[in-house]
Amino acid sequence: MARNRVSRRRRAGAVAAALLVFAAATTGTAQADPAAPTDLAPLPGDDQSMALAVNESGVVVGTSSAGRDPRLDHPVRWDPAGHATALPTPGAAQGQARAVNSHGVAAGYVLTPTAAIPARWDAAGQPTLMELPPGYHNAMGEAISDTGVVVGEWLTPDDLEHPFRWDPDGRVTDLGTLPGDTWCIATGISADGTIVSGLDTNPVKAHSVRWVNGGPITDLAPTAWASANNVMNRDGTIGGHLTDVEHGTSAPVTWDRNGVLHRLDWPSPHPSWLDQVGPTGYVTGSGYLYPPDRDSVLWDPDGNVDVIDGDIAGVDSNGNAVGASQNRATVWYENGNIVRFGILPGGSYSKAEWITDSGYVVGSANTTGYKTHAVAWKLR
């Protein structure tokens, strides 16, 4: 395995060849804006929308919003054609849909005048609200497995933030913290529902943690000074950072499904950040490889790092990455081709945030009046 090398693979290759994947592309010649996005428009009466998750079938969930200060969020789901459906918020006027599984079941929360309550919406849009234990409050669902398990965080009766697990049968479990610590959040759950990732902290340092098969909390780097996790893929691979010794340099790492640590190449003493872990172990992020500029980077499954000329966000199983360059949503294909997408009428920019293996790309774009809408493209 090649290690400790940085490839400046600033992919500027043949745009025209990549355009062939678009059913909606114009003719065989390359255009400045090769494909207009599908507008994932807000619900009637709202003026902005935001995508927060997409599944392989092209179902997108997020928020439809009105106003600015205060902003009123409403949970919404868009089908692959871009049609919006309002998700009910029983007993509340606001909410967010923050995650969606392979079956189209969404998770998030509804916001009452006094508290946030986790919600799960089935594929038909019917809601179920989590019954909170006595004294627990301000709870939010953050991720959902294909088995219907929702994880998130809540405040305990002592106003301490703890992670919870909510099973389809209605059972809810406080996942707790490492011994002696008081604050922890859940950051993800695997598709099969067996692995939950989390971040546990105390006043001195943080720890990357996980729970397997409902078991006790486990520190993923017990011999390190500190660790953290930011992202998790559907397989259970966790991406984060590790600091070996006090006052040492924080380095990007992943933990595979078995909890084995893998260090990512980062030949720089300066900070890095991780954005997403793809289904096969590609990782996107950014950092200061060559200060003062902040570089967008892509790590392959072996941990080798490539510099991307743009603002990278998501990646699929094959290493095809999405983000933005020159104010346009962009795909950097593993074969070296680049495609820059179009914008909404009256808008000036677009950005892609996710790419699925089935070819859905989801992100955002602005409109006339600088309103932001969720948008989508279909590659194939």
Foldseek 3Di string as FASTA:
>chain_A
DDAQDEAQLAQPDDALVLLVLAPQADDSDDDPAGAEWFFLAADPPFFFWFWQEAELQGKTWWWTWHDVVPIATFIWIAGNNNDIDTADAPQADGWIFREAENQRKTWWWGDHPVFTWIWIAGNVRHIDTADDDPQKTRWIWHYAALQGKTKWWIAHNVREIFIWIAHPVRDIDGQDAPPPFGHKIWQYAANVRFKIWIWTDHPPEIFTWMGGNNHHIDGLCVQAPYWGWHEAYNQGKTWTWTHRDVVGAIFIWIQGNVSDIDGAHQPDSWDKDWAYAEPQGKTWTWICSPPPDIFTWIADNNRHIYTYQAHWAEAYNQGWTWWDDPQFTKIQDPVSHIYTHHADEQWDHWIWHYAYPQAKTKTWTAHNVRHITITIRGSD
